[in-house]
Amino acid sequence: MKKSIGLALVSVLSVSLLAGCRGSSKSTDASKAAAYKDGKYRASFDRLDTHGWNAFTEIEIKDGKIATVDFDYLNKDNKRKSEDKDYINAMASKSGTSPDKYCPQLEKALVDKQDLEKVDVVTGATNSTNNMKQLAKLALENAKKGDYNEVIVPQPDVKEEKKQ
């Protein structure tokens, strides 16, 4: 009789401990999600690249989560690369993609996955994917601190293609 009461108590305690552990993982997930402070955060390069474009990423956080992402490039006239028909046509014929396709694709991937590390490289737009990831990382670092100042970093050196 004493053994069965002891086994029952051990069983109840084991279930209680497991339930307690499960609850703590949920609170860890909630605190991870709340790591971002609501607002808009932006990062960009300090100058145009060798093709005349400057990448930027703007991320909006709502309820501690990535709600919207705006990734694109601006030229000296503040026109978007994703709306430049000549650029779109030229790039699409060479690489099979263009900024009107890969910008929204990268934006959606980050919103859907909520994790920059899980955003895949877009074939034909490797440099743009890397630019978006670099700038998004900086914007998200500010989102953790609640720092609304735009992060401006040096334009990475872009080597001009050699003509043959």
N, C-alpha and C. Protein backbone atom coordinates (compact mmCIF):
# COMPACT_ATOMS: atom_id res chain seq x y z
N MET A 1 0.83 -1.19 0.00
CA MET A 1 0.00 0.00 0.00
C MET A 1 0.87 1.25 0.00
N LYS A 2 1.91 1.24 0.87
CA LYS A 2 2.79 2.41 0.93
C LYS A 2 3.53 2.61 -0.40
N LYS A 3 3.89 1.47 -1.05
CA LYS A 3 4.59 1.57 -2.33
C LYS A 3 3.69 2.21 -3.38
N SER A 4 2.43 1.85 -3.43
CA SER A 4 1.53 2.39 -4.44
C SER A 4 1.27 3.88 -4.21
N ILE A 5 1.19 4.31 -2.94
CA ILE A 5 1.02 5.73 -2.64
C ILE A 5 2.29 6.48 -3.04
N GLY A 6 3.44 5.90 -2.77
CA GLY A 6 4.71 6.52 -3.14
C GLY A 6 4.83 6.65 -4.65
N LEU A 7 4.47 5.60 -5.38
CA LEU A 7 4.51 5.66 -6.85
C LEU A 7 3.55 6.72 -7.38
N ALA A 8 2.39 6.83 -6.80
CA ALA A 8 1.41 7.82 -7.23
C ALA A 8 1.96 9.23 -7.02
N LEU A 9 2.58 9.46 -5.86
CA LEU A 9 3.15 10.77 -5.58
C LEU A 9 4.29 11.10 -6.55
N VAL A 10 5.15 10.14 -6.82
CA VAL A 10 6.25 10.35 -7.77
C VAL A 10 5.69 10.68 -9.16
N SER A 11 4.65 9.98 -9.57
CA SER A 11 4.02 10.23 -10.87
C SER A 11 3.45 11.64 -10.94
N VAL A 12 2.75 12.05 -9.90
CA VAL A 12 2.15 13.39 -9.88
C VAL A 12 3.25 14.45 -9.92
N LEU A 13 4.32 14.26 -9.15
CA LEU A 13 5.42 15.22 -9.14
C LEU A 13 6.11 15.28 -10.50
N SER A 14 6.30 14.13 -11.14
CA SER A 14 6.94 14.10 -12.46
C SER A 14 6.12 14.87 -13.48
N VAL A 15 4.82 14.65 -13.49
CA VAL A 15 3.95 15.35 -14.43
C VAL A 15 3.98 16.85 -14.14
N SER A 16 3.99 17.23 -12.87
CA SER A 16 4.03 18.64 -12.50
C SER A 16 5.32 19.29 -12.98
N LEU A 17 6.43 18.60 -12.82
CA LEU A 17 7.72 19.14 -13.26
C LEU A 17 7.76 19.31 -14.77
N LEU A 18 7.27 18.31 -15.50
CA LEU A 18 7.25 18.41 -16.96
C LEU A 18 6.36 19.55 -17.41
N ALA A 19 5.23 19.73 -16.79
CA ALA A 19 4.33 20.82 -17.15
C ALA A 19 5.00 22.16 -16.86
N GLY A 20 5.73 22.24 -15.77
CA GLY A 20 6.45 23.47 -15.43
C GLY A 20 7.52 23.79 -16.44
N CYS A 21 8.23 22.79 -16.92
CA CYS A 21 9.26 23.00 -17.94
C CYS A 21 8.64 23.47 -19.24
N ARG A 22 7.52 22.87 -19.61
CA ARG A 22 6.86 23.25 -20.85
C ARG A 22 6.42 24.71 -20.78
N GLY A 23 5.92 25.15 -19.67
CA GLY A 23 5.50 26.53 -19.49
C GLY A 23 6.66 27.50 -19.62
N SER A 24 7.83 27.12 -19.15
CA SER A 24 8.96 28.03 -19.22
C SER A 24 9.44 28.21 -20.65
N SER A 25 9.31 27.19 -21.51
CA SER A 25 9.73 27.36 -22.90
C SER A 25 8.79 28.33 -23.61
N LYS A 26 7.51 28.32 -23.25
CA LYS A 26 6.59 29.30 -23.84
C LYS A 26 6.96 30.70 -23.42
N SER A 27 7.33 30.89 -22.18
CA SER A 27 7.71 32.24 -21.75
C SER A 27 9.00 32.67 -22.42
N THR A 28 9.89 31.71 -22.72
CA THR A 28 11.12 32.04 -23.44
C THR A 28 10.77 32.49 -24.85
N ASP A 29 9.84 31.79 -25.51
CA ASP A 29 9.42 32.18 -26.84
C ASP A 29 8.78 33.57 -26.82
N ALA A 30 7.96 33.84 -25.81
CA ALA A 30 7.31 35.14 -25.71
C ALA A 30 8.32 36.24 -25.48
N SER A 31 9.32 35.99 -24.64
CA SER A 31 10.32 37.03 -24.40
C SER A 31 11.19 37.25 -25.61
N LYS A 32 11.43 36.18 -26.41
CA LYS A 32 12.20 36.33 -27.64
C LYS A 32 11.43 37.21 -28.63
N ALA A 33 10.12 36.96 -28.76
CA ALA A 33 9.29 37.74 -29.67
C ALA A 33 9.23 39.20 -29.22
N ALA A 34 9.20 39.43 -27.92
CA ALA A 34 9.10 40.78 -27.40
C ALA A 34 10.46 41.48 -27.35
N ALA A 35 11.47 40.83 -27.90
CA ALA A 35 12.81 41.43 -27.89
C ALA A 35 12.85 42.69 -28.74
N TYR A 36 11.93 42.83 -29.72
CA TYR A 36 11.88 44.01 -30.58
C TYR A 36 10.88 45.00 -30.03
N LYS A 37 11.25 46.27 -30.07
CA LYS A 37 10.36 47.34 -29.63
C LYS A 37 9.61 47.88 -30.85
N ASP A 38 8.33 48.11 -30.69
CA ASP A 38 7.50 48.58 -31.81
C ASP A 38 8.02 49.89 -32.38
N GLY A 39 7.88 50.02 -33.69
CA GLY A 39 8.31 51.23 -34.39
C GLY A 39 8.91 50.89 -35.74
N LYS A 40 9.44 51.91 -36.42
CA LYS A 40 10.09 51.73 -37.71
C LYS A 40 11.59 51.94 -37.55
N TYR A 41 12.35 51.05 -38.16
CA TYR A 41 13.81 51.07 -38.06
C TYR A 41 14.39 50.97 -39.47
N ARG A 42 15.42 51.77 -39.72
CA ARG A 42 15.97 51.87 -41.09
C ARG A 42 17.49 51.81 -41.05
N ALA A 43 18.04 51.19 -42.09
CA ALA A 43 19.49 51.15 -42.27
C ALA A 43 19.77 51.31 -43.77
N SER A 44 20.89 51.99 -44.08
CA SER A 44 21.27 52.20 -45.47
C SER A 44 22.78 52.40 -45.55
N PHE A 45 23.26 52.43 -46.78
CA PHE A 45 24.68 52.71 -47.01
C PHE A 45 24.88 54.21 -47.13
N ASP A 46 26.13 54.64 -46.98
CA ASP A 46 26.43 56.07 -46.95
C ASP A 46 26.58 56.72 -48.32
N ARG A 47 26.60 55.92 -49.37
CA ARG A 47 26.76 56.50 -50.71
C ARG A 47 26.24 55.51 -51.76
N LEU A 48 26.17 55.99 -52.98
CA LEU A 48 25.74 55.16 -54.09
C LEU A 48 26.80 54.12 -54.41
N ASP A 49 26.37 52.98 -54.94
CA ASP A 49 27.34 51.98 -55.40
C ASP A 49 27.86 52.37 -56.79
N THR A 50 28.70 51.55 -57.37
CA THR A 50 29.30 51.87 -58.66
C THR A 50 28.29 51.89 -59.80
N HIS A 51 27.07 51.38 -59.56
CA HIS A 51 26.01 51.40 -60.58
C HIS A 51 25.03 52.55 -60.33
N GLY A 52 25.30 53.36 -59.30
CA GLY A 52 24.45 54.52 -59.04
C GLY A 52 23.25 54.27 -58.15
N TRP A 53 23.29 53.20 -57.33
CA TRP A 53 22.18 52.86 -56.44
C TRP A 53 22.64 52.74 -54.99
N ASN A 54 21.74 53.04 -54.08
CA ASN A 54 22.02 52.92 -52.66
C ASN A 54 20.93 52.07 -52.00
N ALA A 55 21.34 50.94 -51.44
CA ALA A 55 20.38 50.02 -50.80
C ALA A 55 19.93 50.57 -49.45
N PHE A 56 18.67 50.26 -49.11
CA PHE A 56 18.15 50.56 -47.78
C PHE A 56 17.19 49.46 -47.38
N THR A 57 17.03 49.30 -46.08
CA THR A 57 16.03 48.40 -45.52
C THR A 57 15.31 49.13 -44.41
N GLU A 58 13.99 49.12 -44.45
CA GLU A 58 13.19 49.70 -43.37
C GLU A 58 12.27 48.61 -42.86
N ILE A 59 12.29 48.42 -41.55
CA ILE A 59 11.51 47.36 -40.91
C ILE A 59 10.56 47.97 -39.90
N GLU A 60 9.30 47.56 -39.98
CA GLU A 60 8.31 48.00 -39.00
C GLU A 60 8.03 46.85 -38.06
N ILE A 61 8.12 47.15 -36.76
CA ILE A 61 7.83 46.17 -35.71
C ILE A 61 6.48 46.51 -35.08
N LYS A 62 5.61 45.51 -35.00
CA LYS A 62 4.32 45.66 -34.31
C LYS A 62 4.16 44.49 -33.37
N ASP A 63 3.79 44.77 -32.14
CA ASP A 63 3.60 43.73 -31.13
C ASP A 63 4.85 42.86 -30.98
N GLY A 64 6.01 43.49 -31.13
CA GLY A 64 7.28 42.79 -30.94
C GLY A 64 7.71 41.91 -32.09
N LYS A 65 6.96 41.94 -33.20
CA LYS A 65 7.27 41.09 -34.36
C LYS A 65 7.50 41.94 -35.61
N ILE A 66 8.21 41.36 -36.57
CA ILE A 66 8.44 42.03 -37.84
C ILE A 66 7.12 42.03 -38.60
N ALA A 67 6.57 43.23 -38.82
CA ALA A 67 5.27 43.36 -39.47
C ALA A 67 5.42 43.66 -40.96
N THR A 68 6.32 44.59 -41.30
CA THR A 68 6.56 44.92 -42.70
C THR A 68 8.05 45.15 -42.91
N VAL A 69 8.47 44.92 -44.15
CA VAL A 69 9.85 45.16 -44.55
C VAL A 69 9.80 45.90 -45.88
N ASP A 70 10.60 46.93 -46.00
CA ASP A 70 10.76 47.66 -47.26
C ASP A 70 12.24 47.62 -47.61
N PHE A 71 12.57 46.84 -48.62
CA PHE A 71 13.95 46.76 -49.11
C PHE A 71 13.97 47.17 -50.56
N ASP A 72 14.87 48.09 -50.88
CA ASP A 72 15.01 48.54 -52.26
C ASP A 72 16.31 49.34 -52.36
N TYR A 73 16.48 49.95 -53.51
CA TYR A 73 17.62 50.82 -53.77
C TYR A 73 17.08 52.15 -54.30
N LEU A 74 17.77 53.23 -53.96
CA LEU A 74 17.41 54.54 -54.50
C LEU A 74 18.58 55.08 -55.32
N ASN A 75 18.26 55.83 -56.38
CA ASN A 75 19.32 56.50 -57.13
C ASN A 75 19.44 57.94 -56.67
N LYS A 76 20.25 58.72 -57.35
CA LYS A 76 20.49 60.12 -56.93
C LYS A 76 19.21 60.96 -56.97
N ASP A 77 18.23 60.54 -57.76
CA ASP A 77 16.95 61.25 -57.86
C ASP A 77 15.88 60.65 -56.95
N ASN A 78 16.29 59.76 -56.03
CA ASN A 78 15.39 59.08 -55.10
C ASN A 78 14.33 58.22 -55.81
N LYS A 79 14.67 57.69 -56.98
CA LYS A 79 13.79 56.76 -57.68
C LYS A 79 14.20 55.35 -57.30
N ARG A 80 13.21 54.49 -57.15
CA ARG A 80 13.45 53.11 -56.73
C ARG A 80 13.92 52.23 -57.90
N LYS A 81 14.88 51.37 -57.58
CA LYS A 81 15.37 50.41 -58.57
C LYS A 81 14.25 49.46 -59.00
N SER A 82 13.39 49.09 -58.07
CA SER A 82 12.30 48.14 -58.36
C SER A 82 11.24 48.74 -59.28
N GLU A 83 11.33 50.03 -59.58
CA GLU A 83 10.38 50.70 -60.47
C GLU A 83 11.05 51.20 -61.75
N ASP A 84 12.35 50.96 -61.90
CA ASP A 84 13.11 51.42 -63.05
C ASP A 84 13.00 50.37 -64.17
N LYS A 85 12.12 50.63 -65.14
CA LYS A 85 11.82 49.65 -66.21
C LYS A 85 13.08 49.27 -67.00
N ASP A 86 13.94 50.25 -67.32
CA ASP A 86 15.16 49.94 -68.08
C ASP A 86 16.06 48.99 -67.29
N TYR A 87 16.25 49.29 -66.00
CA TYR A 87 17.10 48.44 -65.16
C TYR A 87 16.48 47.04 -65.04
N ILE A 88 15.18 46.99 -64.80
CA ILE A 88 14.48 45.71 -64.64
C ILE A 88 14.67 44.84 -65.89
N ASN A 89 14.45 45.42 -67.07
CA ASN A 89 14.59 44.66 -68.32
C ASN A 89 16.02 44.20 -68.53
N ALA A 90 16.99 45.07 -68.27
CA ALA A 90 18.40 44.70 -68.47
C ALA A 90 18.81 43.59 -67.51
N MET A 91 18.42 43.67 -66.26
CA MET A 91 18.81 42.67 -65.28
C MET A 91 18.11 41.34 -65.54
N ALA A 92 16.84 41.40 -65.85
CA ALA A 92 16.07 40.16 -66.07
C ALA A 92 16.66 39.36 -67.22
N SER A 93 17.12 40.04 -68.27
CA SER A 93 17.66 39.31 -69.41
C SER A 93 19.01 38.66 -69.09
N LYS A 94 19.74 39.24 -68.13
CA LYS A 94 21.06 38.69 -67.78
C LYS A 94 21.01 37.67 -66.65
N SER A 95 20.19 37.92 -65.64
CA SER A 95 20.24 37.08 -64.44
C SER A 95 18.98 36.25 -64.19
N GLY A 96 17.93 36.51 -64.92
CA GLY A 96 16.71 35.75 -64.72
C GLY A 96 15.83 36.29 -63.61
N THR A 97 16.25 37.34 -62.97
CA THR A 97 15.42 38.00 -61.95
C THR A 97 15.62 39.49 -62.08
N SER A 98 14.88 40.24 -61.30
CA SER A 98 14.99 41.70 -61.32
C SER A 98 14.45 42.25 -60.00
N PRO A 99 14.79 43.52 -59.70
CA PRO A 99 14.41 44.07 -58.39
C PRO A 99 12.90 44.13 -58.15
N ASP A 100 12.11 44.20 -59.19
CA ASP A 100 10.66 44.18 -58.97
C ASP A 100 10.18 42.82 -58.49
N LYS A 101 11.01 41.80 -58.65
CA LYS A 101 10.67 40.44 -58.18
C LYS A 101 11.40 40.11 -56.88
N TYR A 102 12.75 40.34 -56.83
CA TYR A 102 13.49 39.89 -55.65
C TYR A 102 13.29 40.77 -54.43
N CYS A 103 13.02 42.06 -54.61
CA CYS A 103 12.79 42.90 -53.42
C CYS A 103 11.57 42.41 -52.64
N PRO A 104 10.40 42.27 -53.30
CA PRO A 104 9.24 41.75 -52.55
C PRO A 104 9.46 40.32 -52.02
N GLN A 105 10.20 39.52 -52.76
CA GLN A 105 10.47 38.14 -52.32
C GLN A 105 11.26 38.14 -51.02
N LEU A 106 12.29 38.97 -50.95
CA LEU A 106 13.10 39.05 -49.72
C LEU A 106 12.30 39.64 -48.57
N GLU A 107 11.50 40.66 -48.85
CA GLU A 107 10.67 41.28 -47.82
C GLU A 107 9.70 40.26 -47.21
N LYS A 108 9.02 39.53 -48.08
CA LYS A 108 8.04 38.53 -47.63
C LYS A 108 8.72 37.42 -46.82
N ALA A 109 9.90 37.00 -47.27
CA ALA A 109 10.61 35.92 -46.56
C ALA A 109 10.93 36.34 -45.13
N LEU A 110 11.37 37.57 -44.94
CA LEU A 110 11.72 38.02 -43.59
C LEU A 110 10.47 38.15 -42.71
N VAL A 111 9.39 38.67 -43.26
CA VAL A 111 8.15 38.77 -42.48
C VAL A 111 7.63 37.38 -42.12
N ASP A 112 7.62 36.48 -43.09
CA ASP A 112 7.08 35.14 -42.86
C ASP A 112 7.93 34.34 -41.87
N LYS A 113 9.25 34.42 -42.01
CA LYS A 113 10.13 33.58 -41.19
C LYS A 113 10.52 34.23 -39.87
N GLN A 114 10.41 35.54 -39.77
CA GLN A 114 10.74 36.26 -38.53
C GLN A 114 12.17 36.01 -38.07
N ASP A 115 13.02 35.54 -38.97
CA ASP A 115 14.39 35.20 -38.62
C ASP A 115 15.27 35.44 -39.85
N LEU A 116 16.15 36.39 -39.74
CA LEU A 116 17.02 36.77 -40.86
C LEU A 116 17.86 35.61 -41.35
N GLU A 117 18.29 34.75 -40.44
CA GLU A 117 19.14 33.62 -40.81
C GLU A 117 18.39 32.60 -41.68
N LYS A 118 17.08 32.63 -41.65
CA LYS A 118 16.29 31.68 -42.43
C LYS A 118 15.86 32.22 -43.80
N VAL A 119 16.28 33.45 -44.11
CA VAL A 119 15.97 34.04 -45.41
C VAL A 119 16.99 33.51 -46.41
N ASP A 120 16.50 32.83 -47.45
CA ASP A 120 17.37 32.23 -48.46
C ASP A 120 17.87 33.27 -49.46
N VAL A 121 19.02 32.99 -50.03
CA VAL A 121 19.59 33.83 -51.08
C VAL A 121 18.73 33.66 -52.33
N VAL A 122 18.43 34.77 -52.99
CA VAL A 122 17.67 34.74 -54.23
C VAL A 122 18.65 34.52 -55.37
N THR A 123 18.45 33.47 -56.13
CA THR A 123 19.31 33.16 -57.27
C THR A 123 19.26 34.32 -58.26
N GLY A 124 20.44 34.78 -58.65
CA GLY A 124 20.54 35.90 -59.58
C GLY A 124 20.61 37.24 -58.88
N ALA A 125 20.40 37.25 -57.56
CA ALA A 125 20.42 38.50 -56.79
C ALA A 125 21.19 38.30 -55.48
N THR A 126 22.32 37.63 -55.58
CA THR A 126 23.11 37.32 -54.39
C THR A 126 23.58 38.58 -53.68
N ASN A 127 24.12 39.55 -54.42
CA ASN A 127 24.60 40.79 -53.79
C ASN A 127 23.46 41.54 -53.12
N SER A 128 22.32 41.59 -53.78
CA SER A 128 21.17 42.28 -53.18
C SER A 128 20.68 41.56 -51.94
N THR A 129 20.66 40.24 -51.98
CA THR A 129 20.27 39.47 -50.78
C THR A 129 21.21 39.79 -49.64
N ASN A 130 22.51 39.79 -49.92
CA ASN A 130 23.50 40.09 -48.88
C ASN A 130 23.35 41.51 -48.36
N ASN A 131 23.07 42.47 -49.25
CA ASN A 131 22.85 43.85 -48.81
C ASN A 131 21.63 43.93 -47.90
N MET A 132 20.54 43.28 -48.31
CA MET A 132 19.33 43.31 -47.49
C MET A 132 19.59 42.72 -46.12
N LYS A 133 20.27 41.58 -46.09
CA LYS A 133 20.54 40.92 -44.81
C LYS A 133 21.42 41.78 -43.91
N GLN A 134 22.46 42.38 -44.49
CA GLN A 134 23.35 43.24 -43.70
C GLN A 134 22.59 44.42 -43.11
N LEU A 135 21.79 45.07 -43.93
CA LEU A 135 21.05 46.25 -43.46
C LEU A 135 19.91 45.86 -42.51
N ALA A 136 19.24 44.76 -42.79
CA ALA A 136 18.16 44.31 -41.90
C ALA A 136 18.72 43.95 -40.52
N LYS A 137 19.87 43.33 -40.49
CA LYS A 137 20.49 42.98 -39.21
C LYS A 137 20.73 44.23 -38.37
N LEU A 138 21.23 45.28 -39.01
CA LEU A 138 21.50 46.53 -38.29
C LEU A 138 20.20 47.18 -37.82
N ALA A 139 19.19 47.18 -38.66
CA ALA A 139 17.89 47.75 -38.28
C ALA A 139 17.28 46.97 -37.11
N LEU A 140 17.40 45.64 -37.16
CA LEU A 140 16.84 44.82 -36.08
C LEU A 140 17.62 44.98 -34.77
N GLU A 141 18.91 45.24 -34.87
CA GLU A 141 19.69 45.53 -33.65
C GLU A 141 19.16 46.80 -33.00
N ASN A 142 18.83 47.81 -33.81
CA ASN A 142 18.23 49.02 -33.25
C ASN A 142 16.84 48.75 -32.70
N ALA A 143 16.10 47.85 -33.33
CA ALA A 143 14.75 47.51 -32.85
C ALA A 143 14.80 46.86 -31.47
N LYS A 144 15.86 46.13 -31.19
CA LYS A 144 16.01 45.54 -29.86
C LYS A 144 16.21 46.61 -28.80
N LYS A 145 16.90 47.70 -29.17
CA LYS A 145 17.21 48.79 -28.24
C LYS A 145 16.13 49.88 -28.24
N GLY A 146 15.28 49.86 -29.26
CA GLY A 146 14.31 50.94 -29.39
C GLY A 146 14.95 52.22 -29.89
N ASP A 147 16.04 52.10 -30.62
CA ASP A 147 16.77 53.25 -31.18
C ASP A 147 16.24 53.51 -32.59
N TYR A 148 15.53 54.63 -32.76
CA TYR A 148 14.87 54.92 -34.03
C TYR A 148 15.76 55.66 -35.03
N ASN A 149 17.01 55.93 -34.66
CA ASN A 149 17.92 56.60 -35.58
C ASN A 149 18.30 55.68 -36.72
N GLU A 150 18.36 56.22 -37.94
CA GLU A 150 18.77 55.43 -39.08
C GLU A 150 20.23 55.02 -38.93
N VAL A 151 20.52 53.77 -39.22
CA VAL A 151 21.89 53.28 -39.21
C VAL A 151 22.44 53.48 -40.62
N ILE A 152 23.56 54.19 -40.71
CA ILE A 152 24.19 54.44 -42.00
C ILE A 152 25.59 53.87 -41.93
N VAL A 153 25.88 52.94 -42.84
CA VAL A 153 27.17 52.25 -42.84
C VAL A 153 27.88 52.47 -44.17
N PRO A 154 29.20 52.30 -44.18
CA PRO A 154 29.94 52.49 -45.43
C PRO A 154 29.48 51.54 -46.53
N GLN A 155 29.40 52.09 -47.72
CA GLN A 155 29.05 51.29 -48.90
C GLN A 155 30.16 50.26 -49.10
N PRO A 156 29.80 48.98 -49.22
CA PRO A 156 30.86 47.98 -49.45
C PRO A 156 31.51 48.24 -50.81
N ASP A 157 32.79 47.98 -50.88
CA ASP A 157 33.49 48.18 -52.14
C ASP A 157 32.93 47.23 -53.18
N VAL A 158 32.56 47.78 -54.30
CA VAL A 158 32.02 46.99 -55.39
C VAL A 158 33.00 47.15 -56.55
N LYS A 159 33.57 46.04 -56.97
CA LYS A 159 34.52 46.09 -58.07
C LYS A 159 33.77 46.13 -59.38
N GLU A 160 34.21 47.00 -60.26
CA GLU A 160 33.61 47.09 -61.59
C GLU A 160 33.97 45.84 -62.38
N GLU A 161 33.04 45.36 -63.18
CA GLU A 161 33.32 44.20 -64.01
C GLU A 161 34.32 44.60 -65.09
N LYS A 162 35.27 43.72 -65.34
CA LYS A 162 36.25 43.97 -66.41
C LYS A 162 35.60 43.62 -67.74
N LYS A 163 35.76 44.52 -68.71
CA LYS A 163 35.22 44.27 -70.04
C LYS A 163 36.21 43.45 -70.83
N GLN A 164 35.73 42.46 -71.55
CA GLN A 164 36.62 41.59 -72.33
C GLN A 164 36.61 41.95 -73.77
